[in-house]
């Protein structure tokens, strides 16, 4: 049985188009956008969840802002 992760990777391999891959798994598996994004992150080995990924982004942004502003 094909998983959303497998299908996502297949579409990426065939097209290189992440938007098409997200659209395809949403249609085939009835996923909402958040679920599809989470599948993308997992399939690409970026994060285990969307919350984890967003948390990492927030931390990186905060770190960059602190470095830009210099010592308080």
Protein backbone atom coordinates (compact mmCIF):
# COMPACT_ATOMS: atom_id res chain seq x y z
CA UNK A 1 0.00 0.00 0.00
CA UNK A 2 1.33 3.40 -0.99
CA UNK A 3 1.78 5.91 1.83
CA UNK A 4 1.50 9.69 1.53
CA UNK A 5 5.25 9.85 2.17
CA UNK A 6 5.99 7.45 -0.70
CA UNK A 7 3.72 9.34 -3.08
CA UNK A 8 5.24 12.69 -2.08
CA UNK A 9 8.76 11.38 -2.79
CA UNK A 10 7.61 9.86 -6.10
CA UNK A 11 6.10 13.13 -7.34
CA UNK A 12 9.24 15.02 -6.29
CA UNK A 13 11.44 12.51 -8.12
CA UNK A 14 9.32 12.83 -11.27
CA UNK A 15 8.70 16.58 -11.28
CA UNK A 16 10.89 18.30 -8.69
CA UNK A 17 7.77 20.29 -7.81
CA UNK A 18 6.95 20.40 -4.10
CA UNK A 19 3.65 22.21 -4.70
CA UNK A 20 2.53 19.47 -7.10
CA UNK A 21 3.59 16.84 -4.57
CA UNK A 22 1.59 18.51 -1.79
CA UNK A 23 -1.43 18.90 -4.06
CA UNK A 24 -1.21 15.25 -5.13
CA UNK A 25 -1.08 13.81 -1.61
CA UNK A 26 -3.88 16.11 -0.49
CA UNK A 27 -6.12 14.88 -3.29
CA UNK A 28 -5.21 11.20 -3.02
CA UNK A 29 -5.35 10.92 0.77
CA UNK A 30 -7.88 13.64 1.66
CA UNK A 31 -5.38 15.64 3.72
CA UNK A 32 -5.73 19.24 4.77
CA UNK A 33 -2.86 21.63 4.05
CA UNK A 34 -1.33 21.31 7.52
CA UNK A 35 -1.28 17.51 7.29
CA UNK A 36 0.26 17.63 3.82
CA UNK A 37 2.98 20.03 4.95
CA UNK A 38 3.79 17.72 7.82
CA UNK A 39 4.10 14.78 5.41
CA UNK A 40 6.45 16.89 3.27
CA UNK A 41 8.68 17.70 6.26
CA UNK A 42 8.76 14.05 7.31
CA UNK A 43 9.38 12.73 3.79
CA UNK A 44 12.26 15.17 3.32
CA UNK A 45 13.70 14.36 6.74
CA UNK A 46 13.44 17.97 7.90
CA UNK A 47 11.26 17.48 10.98
CA UNK A 48 8.86 15.02 12.54
CA UNK A 49 6.07 17.59 12.76
CA UNK A 50 5.07 21.03 11.57
CA UNK A 51 5.18 22.31 15.15
CA UNK A 52 8.76 21.09 15.53
CA UNK A 53 9.78 22.78 12.29
CA UNK A 54 8.10 26.08 13.20
CA UNK A 55 9.71 25.98 16.64
CA UNK A 56 13.14 25.60 15.03
CA UNK A 57 12.42 28.50 12.69
CA UNK A 58 11.33 30.71 15.58
CA UNK A 59 14.49 29.87 17.53
CA UNK A 60 16.68 30.64 14.51
CA UNK A 61 14.94 33.97 13.94
CA UNK A 62 15.30 34.95 17.58
CA UNK A 63 18.98 34.02 17.50
CA UNK A 64 19.55 36.08 14.34
CA UNK A 65 17.77 39.08 15.83
CA UNK A 66 19.86 38.90 19.00
CA UNK A 67 23.06 38.70 16.96
CA UNK A 68 21.99 41.60 14.75
CA UNK A 69 21.09 43.81 17.71
CA UNK A 70 24.31 42.96 19.53
CA UNK A 71 24.74 42.89 23.32
CA UNK A 72 21.98 44.43 25.34
